[in-house]
Amino acid sequence: MVLNPPTRRIPPRGAVGFGLGVLALVLLILGATPAQAASHHLLKFATLIPKGTGPMKVLEQWGRTVEQRSGGRLKIRFYPGGIQGDEPQVLKKIRFGQLQGGTFTGYGIGRIYSPARILEFPFLFDSYAEIDAVRDRLMPEFEAGFRKKGYELLGWAELGFIHFFSRKPIDSLEDLRRQRVWIWEGDRLSEVWFRVAHISPIPLSIADVYTSLSTGLIDTVYATPLAAAALQWASKAPYMTNVPMADGIGAVVVSERFFRRLPEDLQRLLRETGARVGRELTRISREDNEKILRVLEKNGLKRTMDLEDLDPAEIRRLSDRAARELAAEGYIPGPLFERTRTLLTRLRSETAAAHTTP
């Protein structure tokens, strides 16, 4: 007996299109389409900023804003308090794709794009107004420099003025030379400046500073008031130089590789919100440094060494020597140093003229 083949039923016109439409709708509801899955991005972001602090709350709010405005397509996962390691370790993890971004101090910035450290060159700037004016002029070339090195500079976040904190009073540069001064191990800018100033520092990782202060291995550190309080260094070093050594710089950075993989609208979102976060971190740092300084003074902190205790001609000679060494090794180009000094001279002349004009 011959069996008739099964009759092939042809769906009516429009049924195929309707069926595919229903399938697509179901997948859309379930959130399972490949295109959708690929459109979600996770930014793993490390920072030394401790959890619960004002600056960390700013970063966490940034994460919520980005997630909300991207409709959940971009999320930021934060790793605060150095749990991903110090800045060189974080940079290494970014290069290997284990992390995609982080905040960095001048120490880390020097390993990304060292010319930007002109903004924390020792004893170069006298006020925040000078720093703001010079930074605004130089920022476009800094952004290009970061990009060339494989990073996107989203925001510039300064830490505030850095001072020396010591166990004994420091009233002059000669006093400083007699101290056991800590230096962040591998910090090229500080290494060169201290050497030309005839200061012999003791290099340590930042994690070893508190213990070394406690045991007497070192007796002098440099930090912002906020950092000195948060890391408990000020409890071991109750004297602070009134004249700041430098302005601590910071940056909000993501991997250029990660950034370029984002859709253009998410790139714009990160740039816009990152720049705003940088400005907010700078504002908070400056305010919090003033607040914590008053608290430290109430608890016994004493100020030493004012600007008039330093010889301007000597400081200039030391700075010139350090600048030449750093330029010779390509760390901070000589023309950039001279251009910055020219900008400062012009700014100070304009400020002086404005104050003398009746």
Protein backbone atom coordinates (compact mmCIF):
# COMPACT_ATOMS: atom_id res chain seq x y z
CA MET A 1 0.00 0.00 0.00
CA VAL A 2 1.34 3.35 -0.96
CA LEU A 3 1.10 5.93 1.72
CA ASN A 4 0.29 9.38 0.59
CA PRO A 5 2.88 11.91 1.82
CA PRO A 6 1.57 14.26 4.45
CA THR A 7 -0.05 17.30 3.03
CA ARG A 8 2.14 20.40 3.46
CA ARG A 9 0.04 23.17 4.86
CA ILE A 10 1.00 26.60 3.69
CA PRO A 11 0.23 29.29 6.24
CA PRO A 12 -2.04 32.00 5.01
CA ARG A 13 -0.49 35.22 3.77
CA GLY A 14 0.62 37.44 6.63
CA ALA A 15 0.78 34.60 9.17
CA VAL A 16 4.58 34.29 8.91
CA GLY A 17 5.11 37.98 9.49
CA PHE A 18 2.63 37.96 12.35
CA GLY A 19 4.34 34.96 13.98
CA LEU A 20 7.77 36.55 13.79
CA GLY A 21 6.35 39.74 15.21
CA VAL A 22 4.90 37.89 18.19
CA LEU A 23 8.22 36.07 18.75
CA ALA A 24 10.13 39.33 18.66
CA LEU A 25 7.67 40.86 21.12
CA VAL A 26 8.07 37.94 23.52
CA LEU A 27 11.84 38.13 23.34
CA LEU A 28 11.69 41.88 23.87
CA ILE A 29 9.57 41.43 26.98
CA LEU A 30 11.92 38.76 28.28
CA GLY A 31 14.91 40.97 27.55
CA ALA A 32 16.67 38.13 25.74
CA THR A 33 17.54 39.48 22.32
CA PRO A 34 21.26 39.33 21.46
CA ALA A 35 21.25 42.97 20.39
CA GLN A 36 19.89 44.03 23.75
CA ALA A 37 22.36 41.93 25.69
CA ALA A 38 25.23 43.48 23.76
CA SER A 39 23.97 47.01 24.49
CA HIS A 40 24.57 46.74 28.24
CA HIS A 41 27.96 47.87 29.51
CA LEU A 42 29.62 47.53 32.91
CA LEU A 43 32.31 49.99 33.97
CA LYS A 44 34.41 48.52 36.79
CA PHE A 45 35.89 51.55 38.55
CA ALA A 46 38.54 51.57 41.31
CA THR A 47 39.49 54.38 43.67
CA LEU A 48 41.58 54.99 46.77
CA ILE A 49 38.77 57.17 48.15
CA PRO A 50 37.38 55.52 51.31
CA LYS A 51 33.77 54.40 51.42
CA GLY A 52 31.42 56.72 53.31
CA THR A 53 33.39 59.90 52.61
CA GLY A 54 31.99 62.95 50.82
CA PRO A 55 34.03 62.35 47.63
CA MET A 56 32.94 58.70 47.50
CA LYS A 57 29.30 59.75 47.82
CA VAL A 58 29.82 62.02 44.81
CA LEU A 59 31.13 59.07 42.80
CA GLU A 60 28.23 56.85 43.88
CA GLN A 61 25.74 59.53 42.84
CA TRP A 62 27.53 59.69 39.49
CA GLY A 63 26.95 55.95 39.10
CA ARG A 64 23.23 56.33 39.83
CA THR A 65 22.94 59.23 37.38
CA VAL A 66 24.68 57.32 34.60
CA GLU A 67 22.54 54.23 35.12
CA GLN A 68 19.33 56.26 35.20
CA ARG A 69 20.09 58.45 32.19
CA SER A 70 21.30 55.50 30.13
CA GLY A 71 18.17 53.52 30.88
CA GLY A 72 20.28 50.85 32.57
CA ARG A 73 22.49 50.35 29.51
CA LEU A 74 25.60 51.57 31.34
CA LYS A 75 26.34 50.74 34.97
CA ILE A 76 29.33 51.65 37.12
CA ARG A 77 30.55 49.22 39.77
CA PHE A 78 32.80 50.94 42.30
CA TYR A 79 35.70 49.45 44.24
CA PRO A 80 36.51 52.06 46.94
CA GLY A 81 39.20 52.33 49.58
CA GLY A 82 42.01 50.78 47.54
CA ILE A 83 40.53 47.26 47.58
CA GLN A 84 41.78 46.78 44.01
CA GLY A 85 45.31 47.80 45.04
CA ASP A 86 47.36 50.98 44.76
CA GLU A 87 47.40 53.10 41.62
CA PRO A 88 50.08 51.17 39.68
CA GLN A 89 48.14 47.95 40.34
CA VAL A 90 44.89 49.55 39.17
CA LEU A 91 46.55 50.77 35.96
CA LYS A 92 47.87 47.28 35.34
CA LYS A 93 44.38 45.81 35.79
CA ILE A 94 42.97 48.39 33.38
CA ARG A 95 45.54 47.41 30.77
CA PHE A 96 44.54 43.75 31.15
CA GLY A 97 40.82 44.57 31.00
CA GLN A 98 40.05 43.52 34.57
CA LEU A 99 39.04 47.11 35.35
CA GLN A 100 37.91 49.87 33.00
CA GLY A 101 38.52 53.03 35.00
CA GLY A 102 39.45 54.76 38.22
CA THR A 103 40.37 57.95 40.02
CA PHE A 104 44.06 58.79 40.20
CA THR A 105 46.23 61.21 42.15
CA GLY A 106 49.29 62.85 40.63
CA TYR A 107 51.22 59.68 41.37
CA GLY A 108 49.05 57.65 38.99
CA ILE A 109 48.65 60.51 36.55
CA GLY A 110 52.43 60.60 36.22
CA ARG A 111 52.30 57.02 34.96
CA ILE A 112 49.62 57.87 32.40
CA TYR A 113 50.60 61.33 31.12
CA SER A 114 53.36 62.91 33.18
CA PRO A 115 53.27 66.44 31.66
CA ALA A 116 49.98 67.01 33.48
CA ARG A 117 51.95 67.05 36.74
CA ILE A 118 53.05 70.59 35.93
CA LEU A 119 49.88 71.50 37.87
CA GLU A 120 51.36 70.08 41.08
CA PHE A 121 54.93 71.22 40.60
CA PRO A 122 56.28 72.11 44.08
CA PHE A 123 56.06 75.75 45.18
CA LEU A 124 54.87 76.93 41.75
CA PHE A 125 51.30 78.08 42.50
CA ASP A 126 50.22 80.52 45.19
CA SER A 127 46.40 80.22 45.03
CA TYR A 128 43.49 78.23 43.69
CA ALA A 129 42.72 81.12 41.34
CA GLU A 130 46.11 80.65 39.67
CA ILE A 131 45.63 76.90 39.42
CA ASP A 132 42.15 77.26 37.88
CA ALA A 133 43.33 79.77 35.28
CA VAL A 134 46.35 77.73 34.17
CA ARG A 135 44.44 74.43 34.22
CA ASP A 136 41.74 75.83 31.92
CA ARG A 137 44.41 76.86 29.41
CA LEU A 138 46.19 73.51 29.46
CA MET A 139 43.29 71.06 29.72
CA PRO A 140 42.70 70.50 25.97
CA GLU A 141 46.27 69.29 25.47
CA PHE A 142 46.07 67.16 28.61
CA GLU A 143 42.93 65.46 27.29
CA ALA A 144 44.70 64.77 23.99
CA GLY A 145 47.75 63.48 25.86
CA PHE A 146 45.69 61.04 27.93
CA ARG A 147 43.91 59.81 24.80
CA LYS A 148 47.19 59.20 23.04
CA LYS A 149 48.29 57.03 25.98
CA GLY A 150 45.11 54.93 25.81
CA TYR A 151 42.92 56.68 28.38
CA GLU A 152 39.93 59.01 28.28
CA LEU A 153 40.19 61.89 30.76
CA LEU A 154 36.57 62.39 31.85
CA GLY A 155 37.09 64.81 34.73
CA TRP A 156 39.81 66.72 36.54
CA ALA A 157 39.45 66.40 40.31
CA GLU A 158 41.95 68.24 42.46
CA LEU A 159 42.67 67.10 46.00
CA GLY A 160 43.62 70.49 47.44
CA PHE A 161 46.85 72.00 48.71
CA ILE A 162 49.47 69.59 50.03
CA HIS A 163 51.38 70.46 53.21
CA PHE A 164 54.18 68.86 55.21
CA PHE A 165 53.00 67.21 58.45
CA SER A 166 55.75 66.50 60.97
CA ARG A 167 56.43 65.26 64.47
CA LYS A 168 58.60 68.35 65.17
CA PRO A 169 58.19 71.96 64.02
CA ILE A 170 59.60 72.85 60.59
CA ASP A 171 60.35 76.55 60.26
CA SER A 172 62.64 76.56 57.23
CA LEU A 173 63.90 74.55 54.31
CA GLU A 174 66.97 73.75 56.39
CA ASP A 175 64.73 72.27 59.10
CA LEU A 176 63.07 70.12 56.47
CA ARG A 177 66.44 68.78 55.36
CA ARG A 178 67.03 67.43 58.87
CA GLN A 179 63.80 65.41 58.92
CA ARG A 180 63.15 61.79 57.95
CA VAL A 181 60.74 62.65 55.15
CA TRP A 182 58.48 60.09 53.53
CA ILE A 183 58.23 59.93 49.76
CA TRP A 184 55.70 57.88 47.82
CA GLU A 185 57.81 55.11 46.34
CA GLY A 186 58.24 55.66 42.61
CA ASP A 187 56.99 59.27 42.60
CA ARG A 188 59.39 60.77 40.06
CA LEU A 189 58.40 64.41 40.52
CA SER A 190 59.00 64.32 44.28
CA GLU A 191 62.20 62.29 43.87
CA VAL A 192 63.76 64.91 41.61
CA TRP A 193 62.60 67.95 43.58
CA PHE A 194 63.74 66.52 46.92
CA ARG A 195 67.12 65.57 45.50
CA VAL A 196 67.89 69.03 44.09
CA ALA A 197 66.73 70.51 47.43
CA HIS A 198 69.22 68.23 49.26
CA ILE A 199 66.45 66.37 51.07
CA SER A 200 67.01 62.63 51.49
CA PRO A 201 63.54 61.06 51.70
CA ILE A 202 62.57 57.53 52.68
CA PRO A 203 60.54 55.81 49.93
CA LEU A 204 57.54 53.77 51.11
CA SER A 205 54.22 52.61 49.73
CA ILE A 206 51.28 54.61 51.02
CA ALA A 207 50.09 51.57 52.99
CA ASP A 208 53.28 51.62 55.10
CA VAL A 209 53.21 55.28 56.10
CA TYR A 210 51.12 55.11 59.28
CA THR A 211 53.15 52.25 60.75
CA SER A 212 56.40 53.98 59.84
CA LEU A 213 55.25 57.17 61.55
CA SER A 214 54.33 55.17 64.61
CA THR A 215 57.70 53.41 64.82
CA GLY A 216 59.76 56.53 64.02
CA LEU A 217 61.13 55.26 60.72
CA ILE A 218 59.83 58.53 59.29
CA ASP A 219 58.79 61.72 61.05
CA THR A 220 57.50 63.89 58.19
CA VAL A 221 54.91 63.26 55.48
CA TYR A 222 53.18 65.38 52.84
CA ALA A 223 49.43 65.32 52.26
CA THR A 224 46.29 67.41 52.12
CA PRO A 225 44.70 68.05 55.55
CA LEU A 226 41.81 65.78 54.55
CA ALA A 227 44.11 62.91 53.61
CA ALA A 228 46.28 63.40 56.71
CA ALA A 229 43.18 63.11 58.90
CA ALA A 230 41.55 60.23 57.00
CA LEU A 231 44.76 58.17 57.04
CA GLN A 232 45.40 59.13 60.69
CA TRP A 233 48.80 60.58 59.84
CA ALA A 234 47.96 63.86 61.56
CA SER A 235 47.60 62.01 64.88
CA LYS A 236 51.30 61.14 64.68
CA ALA A 237 52.51 64.36 63.07
CA PRO A 238 50.92 67.35 64.88
CA TYR A 239 52.79 70.14 63.04
CA MET A 240 51.82 71.40 59.58
CA THR A 241 53.68 73.84 57.34
CA ASN A 242 51.45 76.82 56.66
CA VAL A 243 52.86 77.34 53.18
CA PRO A 244 51.67 74.55 50.88
CA MET A 245 54.19 72.45 49.01
CA ALA A 246 51.97 71.85 45.97
CA ASP A 247 48.40 71.42 44.82
CA GLY A 248 47.35 67.77 44.70
CA ILE A 249 45.90 66.84 41.33
CA GLY A 250 43.45 64.08 40.53
CA ALA A 251 41.66 62.65 37.52
CA VAL A 252 38.59 60.59 36.65
CA VAL A 253 39.77 58.23 33.92
CA VAL A 254 38.47 55.33 31.82
CA SER A 255 40.20 53.06 29.35
CA GLU A 256 40.09 54.44 25.83
CA ARG A 257 39.46 50.90 24.56
CA PHE A 258 36.36 50.60 26.74
CA PHE A 259 35.23 54.13 25.91
CA ARG A 260 35.43 53.62 22.13
CA ARG A 261 33.28 50.49 22.35
CA LEU A 262 30.41 52.48 23.81
CA PRO A 263 27.68 53.91 21.57
CA GLU A 264 28.12 57.62 20.89
CA ASP A 265 25.28 58.63 23.20
CA LEU A 266 26.91 56.80 26.11
CA GLN A 267 30.27 58.37 25.29
CA ARG A 268 28.63 61.80 25.46
CA LEU A 269 26.94 60.84 28.73
CA LEU A 270 30.23 59.77 30.34
CA ARG A 271 32.04 62.91 29.15
CA GLU A 272 29.31 65.25 30.37
CA THR A 273 28.76 63.61 33.75
CA GLY A 274 32.47 62.87 34.28
CA ALA A 275 33.39 66.53 33.80
CA ARG A 276 30.69 67.53 36.29
CA VAL A 277 31.92 64.96 38.81
CA GLY A 278 35.46 66.31 38.50
CA ARG A 279 34.29 69.83 39.27
CA GLU A 280 32.21 68.62 42.21
CA LEU A 281 35.07 66.57 43.64
CA THR A 282 37.35 69.61 43.39
CA ARG A 283 34.80 71.82 45.15
CA ILE A 284 34.21 69.30 47.93
CA SER A 285 37.92 68.65 48.43
CA ARG A 286 38.69 72.34 48.82
CA GLU A 287 35.82 72.87 51.24
CA ASP A 288 36.49 69.70 53.24
CA ASN A 289 40.19 70.52 53.57
CA GLU A 290 39.28 73.84 55.18
CA LYS A 291 36.76 72.19 57.49
CA ILE A 292 39.05 69.38 58.60
CA LEU A 293 41.91 71.81 59.13
CA ARG A 294 39.81 73.68 61.70
CA VAL A 295 39.02 70.38 63.41
CA LEU A 296 42.69 69.38 63.46
CA GLU A 297 43.66 72.74 64.95
CA LYS A 298 41.07 72.31 67.69
CA ASN A 299 42.68 68.96 68.44
CA GLY A 300 46.15 70.46 68.79
CA LEU A 301 47.57 70.80 65.26
CA LYS A 302 50.05 73.69 65.07
CA ARG A 303 51.05 75.59 61.94
CA THR A 304 54.68 76.28 61.14
CA MET A 305 56.76 77.80 58.30
CA ASP A 306 55.06 80.68 56.54
CA LEU A 307 55.81 81.94 53.05
CA GLU A 308 58.17 84.61 54.38
CA ASP A 309 60.31 81.86 55.93
CA LEU A 310 61.35 80.76 52.46
CA ASP A 311 63.82 82.52 50.18
CA PRO A 312 62.01 83.08 46.83
CA ALA A 313 65.30 83.18 44.92
CA GLU A 314 66.39 79.84 46.40
CA ILE A 315 63.03 78.22 45.63
CA ARG A 316 63.24 79.47 42.06
CA ARG A 317 66.76 78.07 41.63
CA LEU A 318 65.67 74.68 42.98
CA SER A 319 62.58 74.65 40.77
CA ASP A 320 64.65 75.52 37.69
CA ARG A 321 67.09 72.69 38.41
CA ALA A 322 64.29 70.19 38.96
CA ALA A 323 62.52 71.37 35.80
CA ARG A 324 65.68 70.88 33.72
CA GLU A 325 66.15 67.33 35.02
CA LEU A 326 62.52 66.41 34.42
CA ALA A 327 62.63 67.93 30.94
CA ALA A 328 65.80 66.01 30.08
CA GLU A 329 64.06 62.71 30.78
CA GLY A 330 60.81 63.75 29.08
CA TYR A 331 58.74 63.75 32.25
CA ILE A 332 57.62 67.39 32.05
CA PRO A 333 58.69 69.13 28.81
CA GLY A 334 60.75 72.27 29.30
CA PRO A 335 58.55 74.43 27.03
CA LEU A 336 55.49 73.47 29.08
CA PHE A 337 57.21 74.57 32.28
CA GLU A 338 58.23 77.90 30.75
CA ARG A 339 54.77 78.45 29.27
CA THR A 340 53.20 77.81 32.68
CA ARG A 341 55.58 80.20 34.40
CA THR A 342 54.84 82.87 31.76
CA LEU A 343 51.10 82.43 32.34
CA LEU A 344 51.61 82.81 36.08
CA THR A 345 53.74 85.93 35.68
CA ARG A 346 51.04 87.50 33.52
CA LEU A 347 48.27 86.53 35.94
CA ARG A 348 50.14 87.95 38.92
CA SER A 349 50.84 91.20 37.07
CA GLU A 350 47.16 91.54 36.15
CA THR A 351 46.10 90.80 39.72
CA ALA A 352 48.57 93.33 41.13
CA ALA A 353 47.41 95.98 38.65
CA ALA A 354 43.76 95.35 39.54
CA HIS A 355 44.52 95.81 43.24
CA THR A 356 46.39 99.08 42.71
CA THR A 357 43.86 100.63 40.32
CA PRO A 358 41.82 103.28 42.20
